[in-house]
PDB file of all heavy atoms in Angstrom:
ATOM      1  N   THR A   1      -0.546   6.692  -3.537  1.00  0.00           N
ATOM      2  CA  THR A   1      -1.135   6.015  -2.380  1.00  0.00           C
ATOM      3  C   THR A   1      -2.371   5.231  -2.783  1.00  0.00           C
ATOM      4  O   THR A   1      -2.557   4.075  -2.374  1.00  0.00           O
ATOM      5  CB  THR A   1      -1.491   7.040  -1.299  1.00  0.00           C
ATOM      6  OG1 THR A   1      -0.335   7.812  -0.966  1.00  0.00           O
ATOM      7  CG2 THR A   1      -2.019   6.355  -0.055  1.00  0.00           C
ATOM      8  N   TRP A   2      -3.218   5.840  -3.592  1.00  0.00           N
ATOM      9  CA  TRP A   2      -4.433   5.169  -4.056  1.00  0.00           C
ATOM     10  C   TRP A   2      -4.087   3.917  -4.856  1.00  0.00           C
ATOM     11  O   TRP A   2      -4.719   2.865  -4.689  1.00  0.00           O
ATOM     12  CB  TRP A   2      -5.257   6.140  -4.903  1.00  0.00           C
ATOM     13  CG  TRP A   2      -6.613   5.631  -5.269  1.00  0.00           C
ATOM     14  CD1 TRP A   2      -7.775   5.824  -4.575  1.00  0.00           C
ATOM     15  CD2 TRP A   2      -6.953   4.855  -6.432  1.00  0.00           C
ATOM     16  NE1 TRP A   2      -8.817   5.208  -5.220  1.00  0.00           N
ATOM     17  CE2 TRP A   2      -8.352   4.607  -6.357  1.00  0.00           C
ATOM     18  CE3 TRP A   2      -6.231   4.359  -7.507  1.00  0.00           C
ATOM     19  CZ2 TRP A   2      -9.024   3.880  -7.329  1.00  0.00           C
ATOM     20  CZ3 TRP A   2      -6.893   3.615  -8.474  1.00  0.00           C
ATOM     21  CH2 TRP A   2      -8.269   3.387  -8.390  1.00  0.00           C
ATOM     22  N   LEU A   3      -3.083   3.993  -5.709  1.00  0.00           N
ATOM     23  CA  LEU A   3      -2.698   2.853  -6.539  1.00  0.00           C
ATOM     24  C   LEU A   3      -2.132   1.717  -5.693  1.00  0.00           C
ATOM     25  O   LEU A   3      -2.396   0.535  -5.957  1.00  0.00           O
ATOM     26  CB  LEU A   3      -1.679   3.293  -7.588  1.00  0.00           C
ATOM     27  CG  LEU A   3      -2.210   4.216  -8.699  1.00  0.00           C
ATOM     28  CD1 LEU A   3      -1.066   4.683  -9.586  1.00  0.00           C
ATOM     29  CD2 LEU A   3      -3.279   3.508  -9.533  1.00  0.00           C
ATOM     30  N   VAL A   4      -1.346   2.052  -4.666  1.00  0.00           N
ATOM     31  CA  VAL A   4      -0.758   1.017  -3.811  1.00  0.00           C
ATOM     32  C   VAL A   4      -1.845   0.218  -3.108  1.00  0.00           C
ATOM     33  O   VAL A   4      -1.846  -1.022  -3.116  1.00  0.00           O
ATOM     34  CB  VAL A   4       0.215   1.642  -2.797  1.00  0.00           C
ATOM     35  CG1 VAL A   4       0.615   0.629  -1.727  1.00  0.00           C
ATOM     36  CG2 VAL A   4       1.448   2.177  -3.495  1.00  0.00           C
ATOM     37  N   PHE A   5      -2.804   0.916  -2.502  1.00  0.00           N
ATOM     38  CA  PHE A   5      -3.836   0.202  -1.759  1.00  0.00           C
ATOM     39  C   PHE A   5      -4.889  -0.387  -2.691  1.00  0.00           C
ATOM     40  O   PHE A   5      -5.540  -1.374  -2.333  1.00  0.00           O
ATOM     41  CB  PHE A   5      -4.468   1.123  -0.717  1.00  0.00           C
ATOM     42  CG  PHE A   5      -3.552   1.396   0.447  1.00  0.00           C
ATOM     43  CD1 PHE A   5      -2.844   2.584   0.533  1.00  0.00           C
ATOM     44  CD2 PHE A   5      -3.381   0.449   1.437  1.00  0.00           C
ATOM     45  CE1 PHE A   5      -1.991   2.820   1.596  1.00  0.00           C
ATOM     46  CE2 PHE A   5      -2.534   0.670   2.503  1.00  0.00           C
ATOM     47  CZ  PHE A   5      -1.831   1.860   2.581  1.00  0.00           C
ATOM     48  N   ALA A   6      -5.051   0.181  -3.873  1.00  0.00           N
ATOM     49  CA  ALA A   6      -5.904  -0.470  -4.867  1.00  0.00           C
ATOM     50  C   ALA A   6      -5.295  -1.800  -5.296  1.00  0.00           C
ATOM     51  O   ALA A   6      -6.006  -2.809  -5.467  1.00  0.00           O
ATOM     52  CB  ALA A   6      -6.105   0.441  -6.077  1.00  0.00           C
ATOM     53  N   ALA A   7      -3.977  -1.822  -5.465  1.00  0.00           N
ATOM     54  CA  ALA A   7      -3.297  -3.072  -5.799  1.00  0.00           C
ATOM     55  C   ALA A   7      -3.430  -4.085  -4.669  1.00  0.00           C
ATOM     56  O   ALA A   7      -3.619  -5.284  -4.905  1.00  0.00           O
ATOM     57  CB  ALA A   7      -1.824  -2.792  -6.095  1.00  0.00           C
ATOM     58  N   TYR A   8      -3.356  -3.606  -3.426  1.00  0.00           N
ATOM     59  CA  TYR A   8      -3.525  -4.485  -2.262  1.00  0.00           C
ATOM     60  C   TYR A   8      -4.903  -5.144  -2.273  1.00  0.00           C
ATOM     61  O   TYR A   8      -5.028  -6.371  -2.143  1.00  0.00           O
ATOM     62  CB  TYR A   8      -3.316  -3.685  -0.980  1.00  0.00           C
ATOM     63  CG  TYR A   8      -3.698  -4.420   0.283  1.00  0.00           C
ATOM     64  CD1 TYR A   8      -2.774  -5.228   0.942  1.00  0.00           C
ATOM     65  CD2 TYR A   8      -4.973  -4.288   0.831  1.00  0.00           C
ATOM     66  CE1 TYR A   8      -3.116  -5.899   2.107  1.00  0.00           C
ATOM     67  CE2 TYR A   8      -5.318  -4.960   1.995  1.00  0.00           C
ATOM     68  CZ  TYR A   8      -4.391  -5.757   2.626  1.00  0.00           C
ATOM     69  OH  TYR A   8      -4.734  -6.434   3.772  1.00  0.00           O
ATOM     70  N   LEU A   9      -5.948  -4.339  -2.423  1.00  0.00           N
ATOM     71  CA  LEU A   9      -7.310  -4.878  -2.412  1.00  0.00           C
ATOM     72  C   LEU A   9      -7.564  -5.759  -3.630  1.00  0.00           C
ATOM     73  O   LEU A   9      -8.254  -6.784  -3.538  1.00  0.00           O
ATOM     74  CB  LEU A   9      -8.323  -3.735  -2.344  1.00  0.00           C
ATOM     75  CG  LEU A   9      -8.304  -2.918  -1.047  1.00  0.00           C
ATOM     76  CD1 LEU A   9      -9.253  -1.739  -1.157  1.00  0.00           C
ATOM     77  CD2 LEU A   9      -8.673  -3.788   0.150  1.00  0.00           C
ATOM     78  N   HIS A  10      -7.027  -5.366  -4.777  1.00  0.00           N
ATOM     79  CA  HIS A  10      -7.200  -6.185  -5.980  1.00  0.00           C
ATOM     80  C   HIS A  10      -6.541  -7.553  -5.798  1.00  0.00           C
ATOM     81  O   HIS A  10      -7.122  -8.588  -6.172  1.00  0.00           O
ATOM     82  CB  HIS A  10      -6.594  -5.470  -7.181  1.00  0.00           C
ATOM     83  CG  HIS A  10      -6.542  -6.312  -8.425  1.00  0.00           C
ATOM     84  ND1 HIS A  10      -7.653  -6.583  -9.189  1.00  0.00           N
ATOM     85  CD2 HIS A  10      -5.504  -6.958  -9.016  1.00  0.00           C
ATOM     86  CE1 HIS A  10      -7.308  -7.354 -10.204  1.00  0.00           C
ATOM     87  NE2 HIS A  10      -6.010  -7.593 -10.132  1.00  0.00           N
ATOM     88  N   ALA A  11      -5.347  -7.556  -5.216  1.00  0.00           N
ATOM     89  CA  ALA A  11      -4.640  -8.822  -5.022  1.00  0.00           C
ATOM     90  C   ALA A  11      -5.390  -9.743  -4.068  1.00  0.00           C
ATOM     91  O   ALA A  11      -5.426 -10.962  -4.263  1.00  0.00           O
ATOM     92  CB  ALA A  11      -3.232  -8.551  -4.495  1.00  0.00           C
ATOM     93  N   ARG A  12      -6.022  -9.174  -3.069  1.00  0.00           N
ATOM     94  CA  ARG A  12      -6.733 -10.006  -2.100  1.00  0.00           C
ATOM     95  C   ARG A  12      -8.094 -10.452  -2.617  1.00  0.00           C
ATOM     96  O   ARG A  12      -8.502 -11.600  -2.402  1.00  0.00           O
ATOM     97  CB  ARG A  12      -6.903  -9.239  -0.789  1.00  0.00           C
ATOM     98  CG  ARG A  12      -5.604  -8.857  -0.126  1.00  0.00           C
ATOM     99  CD  ARG A  12      -5.791  -8.592   1.341  1.00  0.00           C
ATOM    100  NE  ARG A  12      -6.111  -9.822   2.035  1.00  0.00           N
ATOM    101  CZ  ARG A  12      -5.615 -10.169   3.214  1.00  0.00           C
ATOM    102  NH1 ARG A  12      -4.756  -9.386   3.814  1.00  0.00           N
ATOM    103  NH2 ARG A  12      -5.960 -11.290   3.798  1.00  0.00           N
ATOM    104  N   ILE A  13      -8.807  -9.572  -3.288  1.00  0.00           N
ATOM    105  CA  ILE A  13     -10.175  -9.889  -3.673  1.00  0.00           C
ATOM    106  C   ILE A  13     -10.226 -10.752  -4.927  1.00  0.00           C
ATOM    107  O   ILE A  13     -10.973 -11.734  -4.999  1.00  0.00           O
ATOM    108  CB  ILE A  13     -10.984  -8.591  -3.870  1.00  0.00           C
ATOM    109  CG1 ILE A  13     -11.105  -7.834  -2.539  1.00  0.00           C
ATOM    110  CG2 ILE A  13     -12.372  -8.899  -4.421  1.00  0.00           C
ATOM    111  CD1 ILE A  13     -11.730  -6.473  -2.673  1.00  0.00           C
ATOM    112  N   THR A  14      -9.449 -10.400  -5.925  1.00  0.00           N
ATOM    113  CA  THR A  14      -9.550 -11.098  -7.211  1.00  0.00           C
ATOM    114  C   THR A  14      -8.444 -12.118  -7.434  1.00  0.00           C
ATOM    115  O   THR A  14      -8.662 -13.103  -8.144  1.00  0.00           O
ATOM    116  CB  THR A  14      -9.528 -10.089  -8.374  1.00  0.00           C
ATOM    117  OG1 THR A  14      -8.257  -9.430  -8.408  1.00  0.00           O
ATOM    118  CG2 THR A  14     -10.633  -9.060  -8.202  1.00  0.00           C
ATOM    119  N   ARG A  15      -7.276 -11.915  -6.836  1.00  0.00           N
ATOM    120  CA  ARG A  15      -6.173 -12.841  -7.040  1.00  0.00           C
ATOM    121  C   ARG A  15      -6.033 -13.848  -5.909  1.00  0.00           C
ATOM    122  O   ARG A  15      -5.286 -14.804  -6.027  1.00  0.00           O
ATOM    123  CB  ARG A  15      -4.857 -12.067  -7.194  1.00  0.00           C
ATOM    124  CG  ARG A  15      -4.842 -11.058  -8.326  1.00  0.00           C
ATOM    125  CD  ARG A  15      -4.958 -11.733  -9.676  1.00  0.00           C
ATOM    126  NE  ARG A  15      -3.805 -12.614  -9.910  1.00  0.00           N
ATOM    127  CZ  ARG A  15      -3.704 -13.406 -10.961  1.00  0.00           C
ATOM    128  NH1 ARG A  15      -4.691 -13.469 -11.844  1.00  0.00           N
ATOM    129  NH2 ARG A  15      -2.635 -14.174 -11.121  1.00  0.00           N
ATOM    130  N   GLY A  16      -6.748 -13.618  -4.812  1.00  0.00           N
ATOM    131  CA  GLY A  16      -6.698 -14.568  -3.708  1.00  0.00           C
ATOM    132  C   GLY A  16      -5.429 -14.517  -2.884  1.00  0.00           C
ATOM    133  O   GLY A  16      -5.117 -15.463  -2.172  1.00  0.00           O
ATOM    134  N   TRP A  17      -4.690 -13.417  -2.951  1.00  0.00           N
ATOM    135  CA  TRP A  17      -3.498 -13.290  -2.124  1.00  0.00           C
ATOM    136  C   TRP A  17      -3.882 -13.262  -0.656  1.00  0.00           C
ATOM    137  O   TRP A  17      -4.899 -12.682  -0.273  1.00  0.00           O
ATOM    138  CB  TRP A  17      -2.738 -12.007  -2.464  1.00  0.00           C
ATOM    139  CG  TRP A  17      -1.927 -12.084  -3.715  1.00  0.00           C
ATOM    140  CD1 TRP A  17      -2.079 -12.959  -4.743  1.00  0.00           C
ATOM    141  CD2 TRP A  17      -0.837 -11.227  -4.063  1.00  0.00           C
ATOM    142  NE1 TRP A  17      -1.157 -12.707  -5.724  1.00  0.00           N
ATOM    143  CE2 TRP A  17      -0.375 -11.649  -5.339  1.00  0.00           C
ATOM    144  CE3 TRP A  17      -0.214 -10.158  -3.444  1.00  0.00           C
ATOM    145  CZ2 TRP A  17       0.680 -11.029  -5.989  1.00  0.00           C
ATOM    146  CZ3 TRP A  17       0.833  -9.530  -4.088  1.00  0.00           C
ATOM    147  CH2 TRP A  17       1.280  -9.972  -5.342  1.00  0.00           C
ATOM    148  N   GLN A  18      -3.075 -13.869   0.174  1.00  0.00           N
ATOM    149  CA  GLN A  18      -3.273 -13.806   1.612  1.00  0.00           C
ATOM    150  C   GLN A  18      -1.953 -14.084   2.291  1.00  0.00           C
ATOM    151  O   GLN A  18      -1.046 -14.669   1.701  1.00  0.00           O
ATOM    152  CB  GLN A  18      -4.344 -14.810   2.057  1.00  0.00           C
ATOM    153  CG  GLN A  18      -4.213 -16.215   1.491  1.00  0.00           C
ATOM    154  CD  GLN A  18      -3.311 -17.117   2.328  1.00  0.00           C
ATOM    155  OE1 GLN A  18      -3.223 -16.951   3.527  1.00  0.00           O
ATOM    156  NE2 GLN A  18      -2.632 -18.044   1.680  1.00  0.00           N
ATOM    157  N   GLY A  19      -1.816 -13.596   3.507  1.00  0.00           N
ATOM    158  CA  GLY A  19      -0.595 -13.852   4.247  1.00  0.00           C
ATOM    159  C   GLY A  19       0.504 -12.844   3.999  1.00  0.00           C
ATOM    160  O   GLY A  19       0.290 -11.632   4.066  1.00  0.00           O
ATOM    161  N   ARG A  20       1.694 -13.342   3.661  1.00  0.00           N
ATOM    162  CA  ARG A  20       2.886 -12.497   3.651  1.00  0.00           C
ATOM    163  C   ARG A  20       2.883 -11.473   2.519  1.00  0.00           C
ATOM    164  O   ARG A  20       3.222 -10.303   2.739  1.00  0.00           O
ATOM    165  CB  ARG A  20       4.130 -13.382   3.529  1.00  0.00           C
ATOM    166  CG  ARG A  20       5.437 -12.604   3.551  1.00  0.00           C
ATOM    167  CD  ARG A  20       6.615 -13.545   3.495  1.00  0.00           C
ATOM    168  NE  ARG A  20       6.628 -14.345   2.275  1.00  0.00           N
ATOM    169  CZ  ARG A  20       7.517 -15.302   2.042  1.00  0.00           C
ATOM    170  NH1 ARG A  20       8.425 -15.586   2.955  1.00  0.00           N
ATOM    171  NH2 ARG A  20       7.470 -15.983   0.912  1.00  0.00           N
ATOM    172  N   ARG A  21       2.514 -11.864   1.303  1.00  0.00           N
ATOM    173  CA  ARG A  21       2.638 -10.960   0.159  1.00  0.00           C
ATOM    174  C   ARG A  21       1.784  -9.701   0.298  1.00  0.00           C
ATOM    175  O   ARG A  21       2.292  -8.583   0.134  1.00  0.00           O
ATOM    176  CB  ARG A  21       2.312 -11.705  -1.128  1.00  0.00           C
ATOM    177  CG  ARG A  21       3.361 -12.738  -1.518  1.00  0.00           C
ATOM    178  CD  ARG A  21       3.079 -13.331  -2.875  1.00  0.00           C
ATOM    179  NE  ARG A  21       1.809 -14.067  -2.894  1.00  0.00           N
ATOM    180  CZ  ARG A  21       1.292 -14.625  -3.981  1.00  0.00           C
ATOM    181  NH1 ARG A  21       1.925 -14.528  -5.146  1.00  0.00           N
ATOM    182  NH2 ARG A  21       0.162 -15.298  -3.909  1.00  0.00           N
ATOM    183  N   PRO A  22       0.479  -9.790   0.604  1.00  0.00           N
ATOM    184  CA  PRO A  22      -0.286  -8.548   0.797  1.00  0.00           C
ATOM    185  C   PRO A  22       0.164  -7.760   2.014  1.00  0.00           C
ATOM    186  O   PRO A  22       0.050  -6.535   2.030  1.00  0.00           O
ATOM    187  CB  PRO A  22      -1.723  -9.036   0.928  1.00  0.00           C
ATOM    188  CG  PRO A  22      -1.625 -10.455   1.345  1.00  0.00           C
ATOM    189  CD  PRO A  22      -0.383 -10.985   0.696  1.00  0.00           C
ATOM    190  N   ALA A  23       0.682  -8.446   3.038  1.00  0.00           N
ATOM    191  CA  ALA A  23       1.173  -7.729   4.216  1.00  0.00           C
ATOM    192  C   ALA A  23       2.372  -6.865   3.865  1.00  0.00           C
ATOM    193  O   ALA A  23       2.507  -5.731   4.344  1.00  0.00           O
ATOM    194  CB  ALA A  23       1.528  -8.725   5.323  1.00  0.00           C
ATOM    195  N   ILE A  24       3.256  -7.385   3.029  1.00  0.00           N
ATOM    196  CA  ILE A  24       4.407  -6.592   2.574  1.00  0.00           C
ATOM    197  C   ILE A  24       3.937  -5.387   1.762  1.00  0.00           C
ATOM    198  O   ILE A  24       4.461  -4.278   1.899  1.00  0.00           O
ATOM    199  CB  ILE A  24       5.366  -7.475   1.757  1.00  0.00           C
ATOM    200  CG1 ILE A  24       5.996  -8.542   2.650  1.00  0.00           C
ATOM    201  CG2 ILE A  24       6.443  -6.626   1.093  1.00  0.00           C
ATOM    202  CD1 ILE A  24       6.869  -9.531   1.903  1.00  0.00           C
ATOM    203  N   LEU A  25       2.925  -5.596   0.924  1.00  0.00           N
ATOM    204  CA  LEU A  25       2.389  -4.492   0.130  1.00  0.00           C
ATOM    205  C   LEU A  25       1.760  -3.427   1.022  1.00  0.00           C
ATOM    206  O   LEU A  25       1.950  -2.223   0.805  1.00  0.00           O
ATOM    207  CB  LEU A  25       1.356  -5.040  -0.861  1.00  0.00           C
ATOM    208  CG  LEU A  25       0.821  -4.071  -1.916  1.00  0.00           C
ATOM    209  CD1 LEU A  25       1.951  -3.495  -2.752  1.00  0.00           C
ATOM    210  CD2 LEU A  25      -0.188  -4.777  -2.817  1.00  0.00           C
ATOM    211  N   ALA A  26       1.025  -3.853   2.050  1.00  0.00           N
ATOM    212  CA  ALA A  26       0.424  -2.895   2.975  1.00  0.00           C
ATOM    213  C   ALA A  26       1.487  -2.178   3.795  1.00  0.00           C
ATOM    214  O   ALA A  26       1.351  -0.983   4.085  1.00  0.00           O
ATOM    215  CB  ALA A  26      -0.563  -3.613   3.892  1.00  0.00           C
ATOM    216  N   ALA A  27       2.542  -2.882   4.189  1.00  0.00           N
ATOM    217  CA  ALA A  27       3.634  -2.239   4.924  1.00  0.00           C
ATOM    218  C   ALA A  27       4.309  -1.172   4.077  1.00  0.00           C
ATOM    219  O   ALA A  27       4.688  -0.101   4.570  1.00  0.00           O
ATOM    220  CB  ALA A  27       4.648  -3.289   5.372  1.00  0.00           C
ATOM    221  N   THR A  28       4.444  -1.440   2.783  1.00  0.00           N
ATOM    222  CA  THR A  28       4.960  -0.419   1.869  1.00  0.00           C
ATOM    223  C   THR A  28       4.019   0.774   1.815  1.00  0.00           C
ATOM    224  O   THR A  28       4.462   1.932   1.757  1.00  0.00           O
ATOM    225  CB  THR A  28       5.139  -1.015   0.464  1.00  0.00           C
ATOM    226  OG1 THR A  28       5.993  -2.154   0.542  1.00  0.00           O
ATOM    227  CG2 THR A  28       5.735   0.006  -0.493  1.00  0.00           C
ATOM    228  N   GLY A  29       2.716   0.501   1.850  1.00  0.00           N
ATOM    229  CA  GLY A  29       1.731   1.578   1.852  1.00  0.00           C
ATOM    230  C   GLY A  29       1.854   2.494   3.055  1.00  0.00           C
ATOM    231  O   GLY A  29       1.550   3.694   2.959  1.00  0.00           O
ATOM    232  N   PHE A  30       2.314   1.971   4.194  1.00  0.00           N
ATOM    233  CA  PHE A  30       2.501   2.814   5.376  1.00  0.00           C
ATOM    234  C   PHE A  30       3.515   3.910   5.099  1.00  0.00           C
ATOM    235  O   PHE A  30       3.308   5.078   5.465  1.00  0.00           O
ATOM    236  CB  PHE A  30       2.953   1.947   6.555  1.00  0.00           C
ATOM    237  CG  PHE A  30       3.171   2.707   7.832  1.00  0.00           C
ATOM    238  CD1 PHE A  30       2.098   3.137   8.589  1.00  0.00           C
ATOM    239  CD2 PHE A  30       4.454   3.002   8.269  1.00  0.00           C
ATOM    240  CE1 PHE A  30       2.294   3.844   9.774  1.00  0.00           C
ATOM    241  CE2 PHE A  30       4.667   3.708   9.446  1.00  0.00           C
ATOM    242  CZ  PHE A  30       3.578   4.133  10.197  1.00  0.00           C
ATOM    243  N   VAL A  31       4.609   3.557   4.447  1.00  0.00           N
ATOM    244  CA  VAL A  31       5.635   4.549   4.089  1.00  0.00           C
ATOM    245  C   VAL A  31       5.090   5.537   3.071  1.00  0.00           C
ATOM    246  O   VAL A  31       5.322   6.757   3.158  1.00  0.00           O
ATOM    247  CB  VAL A  31       6.886   3.840   3.555  1.00  0.00           C
ATOM    248  CG1 VAL A  31       7.951   4.857   3.150  1.00  0.00           C
ATOM    249  CG2 VAL A  31       7.446   2.869   4.585  1.00  0.00           C
ATOM    250  N   VAL A  32       4.338   5.029   2.092  1.00  0.00           N
ATOM    251  CA  VAL A  32       3.791   5.886   1.046  1.00  0.00           C
ATOM    252  C   VAL A  32       2.810   6.897   1.633  1.00  0.00           C
ATOM    253  O   VAL A  32       2.788   8.074   1.235  1.00  0.00           O
ATOM    254  CB  VAL A  32       3.123   5.026  -0.048  1.00  0.00           C
ATOM    255  CG1 VAL A  32       2.402   5.905  -1.057  1.00  0.00           C
ATOM    256  CG2 VAL A  32       4.154   4.164  -0.752  1.00  0.00           C
ATOM    257  N   VAL A  33       1.986   6.476   2.592  1.00  0.00           N
ATOM    258  CA  VAL A  33       1.037   7.398   3.222  1.00  0.00           C
ATOM    259  C   VAL A  33       1.775   8.526   3.925  1.00  0.00           C
ATOM    260  O   VAL A  33       1.383   9.700   3.827  1.00  0.00           O
ATOM    261  CB  VAL A  33       0.128   6.638   4.207  1.00  0.00           C
ATOM    262  CG1 VAL A  33      -0.684   7.617   5.048  1.00  0.00           C
ATOM    263  CG2 VAL A  33      -0.824   5.719   3.457  1.00  0.00           C
ATOM    264  N   TRP A  34       2.859   8.205   4.629  1.00  0.00           N
ATOM    265  CA  TRP A  34       3.602   9.249   5.328  1.00  0.00           C
ATOM    266  C   TRP A  34       4.277  10.212   4.352  1.00  0.00           C
ATOM    267  O   TRP A  34       4.355  11.409   4.613  1.00  0.00           O
ATOM    268  CB  TRP A  34       4.650   8.629   6.259  1.00  0.00           C
ATOM    269  CG  TRP A  34       4.097   8.334   7.611  1.00  0.00           C
ATOM    270  CD1 TRP A  34       3.832   7.111   8.150  1.00  0.00           C
ATOM    271  CD2 TRP A  34       3.717   9.295   8.603  1.00  0.00           C
ATOM    272  NE1 TRP A  34       3.306   7.251   9.414  1.00  0.00           N
ATOM    273  CE2 TRP A  34       3.236   8.575   9.728  1.00  0.00           C
ATOM    274  CE3 TRP A  34       3.742  10.682   8.659  1.00  0.00           C
ATOM    275  CZ2 TRP A  34       2.783   9.207  10.884  1.00  0.00           C
ATOM    276  CZ3 TRP A  34       3.283  11.311   9.813  1.00  0.00           C
ATOM    277  CH2 TRP A  34       2.813  10.583  10.910  1.00  0.00           C
ATOM    278  N   ILE A  35       4.747   9.686   3.235  1.00  0.00           N
ATOM    279  CA  ILE A  35       5.322  10.575   2.220  1.00  0.00           C
ATOM    280  C   ILE A  35       4.247  11.506   1.670  1.00  0.00           C
ATOM    281  O   ILE A  35       4.470  12.714   1.495  1.00  0.00           O
ATOM    282  CB  ILE A  35       5.969   9.754   1.089  1.00  0.00           C
ATOM    283  CG1 ILE A  35       7.174   8.975   1.615  1.00  0.00           C
ATOM    284  CG2 ILE A  35       6.404  10.671  -0.058  1.00  0.00           C
ATOM    285  CD1 ILE A  35       7.797   8.046   0.587  1.00  0.00           C
ATOM    286  N   CYS A  36       3.078  10.948   1.403  1.00  0.00           N
ATOM    287  CA  CYS A  36       1.982  11.760   0.869  1.00  0.00           C
ATOM    288  C   CYS A  36       1.525  12.803   1.881  1.00  0.00           C
ATOM    289  O   CYS A  36       1.269  13.956   1.520  1.00  0.00           O
ATOM    290  CB  CYS A  36       0.821  10.844   0.473  1.00  0.00           C
ATOM    291  SG  CYS A  36      -0.640  11.713  -0.138  1.00  0.00           S
ATOM    292  N   TYR A  37       1.414  12.392   3.139  1.00  0.00           N
ATOM    293  CA  TYR A  37       0.883  13.294   4.165  1.00  0.00           C
ATOM    294  C   TYR A  37       1.878  14.380   4.563  1.00  0.00           C
ATOM    295  O   TYR A  37       1.535  15.564   4.643  1.00  0.00           O
ATOM    296  CB  TYR A  37       0.472  12.492   5.395  1.00  0.00           C
ATOM    297  CG  TYR A  37       0.190  13.336   6.602  1.00  0.00           C
ATOM    298  CD1 TYR A  37      -0.841  14.275   6.606  1.00  0.00           C
ATOM    299  CD2 TYR A  37       0.970  13.221   7.753  1.00  0.00           C
ATOM    300  CE1 TYR A  37      -1.087  15.066   7.719  1.00  0.00           C
ATOM    301  CE2 TYR A  37       0.726  13.998   8.866  1.00  0.00           C
ATOM    302  CZ  TYR A  37      -0.300  14.923   8.846  1.00  0.00           C
ATOM    303  OH  TYR A  37      -0.540  15.703   9.940  1.00  0.00           O
ATOM    304  N   LEU A  38       3.128  13.983   4.805  1.00  0.00           N
ATOM    305  CA  LEU A  38       4.091  14.919   5.376  1.00  0.00           C
ATOM    306  C   LEU A  38       5.332  15.115   4.526  1.00  0.00           C
ATOM    307  O   LEU A  38       5.895  16.212   4.479  1.00  0.00           O
ATOM    308  CB  LEU A  38       4.503  14.424   6.775  1.00  0.00           C
ATOM    309  CG  LEU A  38       5.252  15.396   7.670  1.00  0.00           C
ATOM    310  CD1 LEU A  38       4.431  16.656   7.913  1.00  0.00           C
ATOM    311  CD2 LEU A  38       5.613  14.731   8.987  1.00  0.00           C
ATOM    312  N   GLY A  39       5.756  14.058   3.829  1.00  0.00           N
ATOM    313  CA  GLY A  39       7.028  14.130   3.117  1.00  0.00           C
ATOM    314  C   GLY A  39       7.072  15.176   2.028  1.00  0.00           C
ATOM    315  O   GLY A  39       8.066  15.896   1.885  1.00  0.00           O
ATOM    316  N   VAL A  40       6.003  15.286   1.241  1.00  0.00           N
ATOM    317  CA  VAL A  40       6.020  16.246   0.136  1.00  0.00           C
ATOM    318  C   VAL A  40       6.058  17.679   0.654  1.00  0.00           C
ATOM    319  O   VAL A  40       6.532  18.585  -0.041  1.00  0.00           O
ATOM    320  CB  VAL A  40       4.796  16.045  -0.782  1.00  0.00           C
ATOM    321  CG1 VAL A  40       4.860  14.701  -1.482  1.00  0.00           C
ATOM    322  CG2 VAL A  40       3.494  16.182  -0.009  1.00  0.00           C
ATOM    323  N   ASN A  41       5.563  17.906   1.876  1.00  0.00           N
ATOM    324  CA  ASN A  41       5.623  19.248   2.435  1.00  0.00           C
ATOM    325  C   ASN A  41       6.998  19.571   3.005  1.00  0.00           C
ATOM    326  O   ASN A  41       7.355  20.730   3.173  1.00  0.00           O
ATOM    327  CB  ASN A  41       4.568  19.412   3.526  1.00  0.00           C
ATOM    328  CG  ASN A  41       3.158  19.252   2.984  1.00  0.00           C
ATOM    329  OD1 ASN A  41       2.588  18.164   3.074  1.00  0.00           O
ATOM    330  ND2 ASN A  41       2.608  20.300   2.407  1.00  0.00           N
ATOM    331  N   LEU A  42       7.757  18.530   3.324  1.00  0.00           N
ATOM    332  CA  LEU A  42       9.112  18.741   3.818  1.00  0.00           C
ATOM    333  C   LEU A  42      10.126  18.834   2.691  1.00  0.00           C
ATOM    334  O   LEU A  42      11.126  19.543   2.797  1.00  0.00           O
ATOM    335  CB  LEU A  42       9.510  17.590   4.749  1.00  0.00           C
ATOM    336  CG  LEU A  42       8.746  17.483   6.074  1.00  0.00           C
ATOM    337  CD1 LEU A  42       9.118  16.185   6.767  1.00  0.00           C
ATOM    338  CD2 LEU A  42       9.042  18.667   6.966  1.00  0.00           C
ATOM    339  N   LEU A  43       9.862  18.103   1.608  1.00  0.00           N
ATOM    340  CA  LEU A  43      10.853  17.988   0.539  1.00  0.00           C
ATOM    341  C   LEU A  43      10.588  18.895  -0.656  1.00  0.00           C
ATOM    342  O   LEU A  43      11.478  19.118  -1.468  1.00  0.00           O
ATOM    343  CB  LEU A  43      10.928  16.531   0.060  1.00  0.00           C
ATOM    344  CG  LEU A  43      11.275  15.502   1.137  1.00  0.00           C
ATOM    345  CD1 LEU A  43      11.228  14.099   0.559  1.00  0.00           C
ATOM    346  CD2 LEU A  43      12.644  15.791   1.727  1.00  0.00           C
TER     347      LEU A  43
END
């Protein structure tokens, strides 16, 4: 989870990403957060 959102912030701050590409990365992070929070306890 930390790596996904670190990549998101890195892409926006240093690479100048904006719009669709970082949004897709953040949307992926939503799934990753739920896996981290609840999924590992279920699986």
